[in-house]
Amino acid sequence: MATLGCNYGYGDWGNVAEVVHMEELDYDDQKEYAKKLWQEDPERYFGWKEFCIRCNQLPDFFGTRHNPIPIDESKL
């Protein structure tokens, strides 16, 4: 797996911290939190989302790199 770099999404530790936080939430709260992140900084959010998909993090929410789940963030 290729390294995504420190400036990708929320950074090396920030990406992991956001994943850990999302894992503690139920699905509806995950949707609310993802929308909040997207509204605050769409570029960082989409970098983090790509990190999650490429690294198979939060597969129930984002899917996996082989089977991503399409999400329309504006409808969360």
Protein backbone atom coordinates (compact mmCIF):
# COMPACT_ATOMS: atom_id res chain seq x y z
CA MET A 1 0.00 0.00 0.00
CA ALA A 2 1.35 3.41 -0.94
CA THR A 3 1.83 6.08 1.69
CA LEU A 4 -0.66 8.88 1.32
CA GLY A 5 1.51 11.52 3.03
CA CYS A 6 1.13 13.85 6.00
CA ASN A 7 -0.82 16.50 4.10
CA TYR A 8 -3.49 14.10 2.84
CA GLY A 9 -6.87 14.74 4.43
CA TYR A 10 -6.30 15.56 8.09
CA GLY A 11 -2.70 14.33 8.17
CA ASP A 12 -1.27 11.00 9.29
CA TRP A 13 -2.52 11.16 12.88
CA GLY A 14 -5.60 13.27 12.13
CA ASN A 15 -6.94 10.75 9.61
CA VAL A 16 -6.62 7.95 12.15
CA ALA A 17 -8.15 10.08 14.91
CA GLU A 18 -11.18 10.83 12.73
CA VAL A 19 -11.60 7.10 11.96
CA VAL A 20 -11.46 6.24 15.67
CA HIS A 21 -14.03 8.92 16.45
CA MET A 22 -16.36 7.69 13.68
CA GLU A 23 -16.08 4.09 14.95
CA GLU A 24 -17.52 5.23 18.29
CA LEU A 25 -20.66 6.67 16.66
CA ASP A 26 -23.82 4.94 15.49
CA TYR A 27 -24.70 5.23 11.79
CA ASP A 28 -26.93 8.31 12.09
CA ASP A 29 -24.31 10.13 14.15
CA GLN A 30 -21.65 9.11 11.61
CA LYS A 31 -23.73 10.75 8.88
CA GLU A 32 -24.08 13.95 10.92
CA TYR A 33 -20.36 14.02 11.75
CA ALA A 34 -19.32 13.35 8.14
CA LYS A 35 -21.56 16.17 6.95
CA LYS A 36 -20.02 18.50 9.55
CA LEU A 37 -16.50 17.62 8.37
CA TRP A 38 -17.54 18.08 4.73
CA GLN A 39 -19.10 21.48 5.42
CA GLU A 40 -16.08 22.70 7.40
CA ASP A 41 -13.46 21.82 4.79
CA PRO A 42 -14.53 19.81 1.73
CA GLU A 43 -10.97 19.36 0.42
CA ARG A 44 -9.68 17.85 3.66
CA TYR A 45 -12.85 15.77 4.03
CA PHE A 46 -12.51 14.25 0.54
CA GLY A 47 -8.82 13.52 1.22
CA TRP A 48 -9.80 11.74 4.42
CA LYS A 49 -12.61 9.89 2.66
CA GLU A 50 -10.14 8.70 0.00
CA PHE A 51 -7.77 7.60 2.79
CA CYS A 52 -10.61 5.58 4.38
CA ILE A 53 -11.55 3.92 1.10
CA ARG A 54 -7.98 3.14 0.02
CA CYS A 55 -7.04 1.77 3.44
CA ASN A 56 -10.35 -0.06 4.01
CA GLN A 57 -11.24 2.04 7.05
CA LEU A 58 -14.94 2.46 7.96
CA PRO A 59 -16.07 -0.07 5.32
CA ASP A 60 -19.69 0.00 6.56
CA PHE A 61 -19.84 3.74 5.92
CA PHE A 62 -17.54 4.41 2.93
CA GLY A 63 -17.16 0.90 1.52
CA THR A 64 -13.79 -0.45 0.40
CA ARG A 65 -11.44 0.33 -2.46
CA HIS A 66 -12.91 -2.63 -4.34
CA ASN A 67 -16.50 -1.72 -3.49
CA PRO A 68 -16.88 1.94 -2.44
CA ILE A 69 -20.29 3.11 -1.27
CA PRO A 70 -21.42 6.20 -3.19
CA ILE A 71 -22.33 9.05 -0.84
CA ASP A 72 -23.90 12.37 -1.72
CA GLU A 73 -22.57 14.49 1.12
CA SER A 74 -25.12 17.24 0.46
CA LYS A 75 -27.87 14.77 1.38
CA LEU A 76 -26.39 13.46 4.61
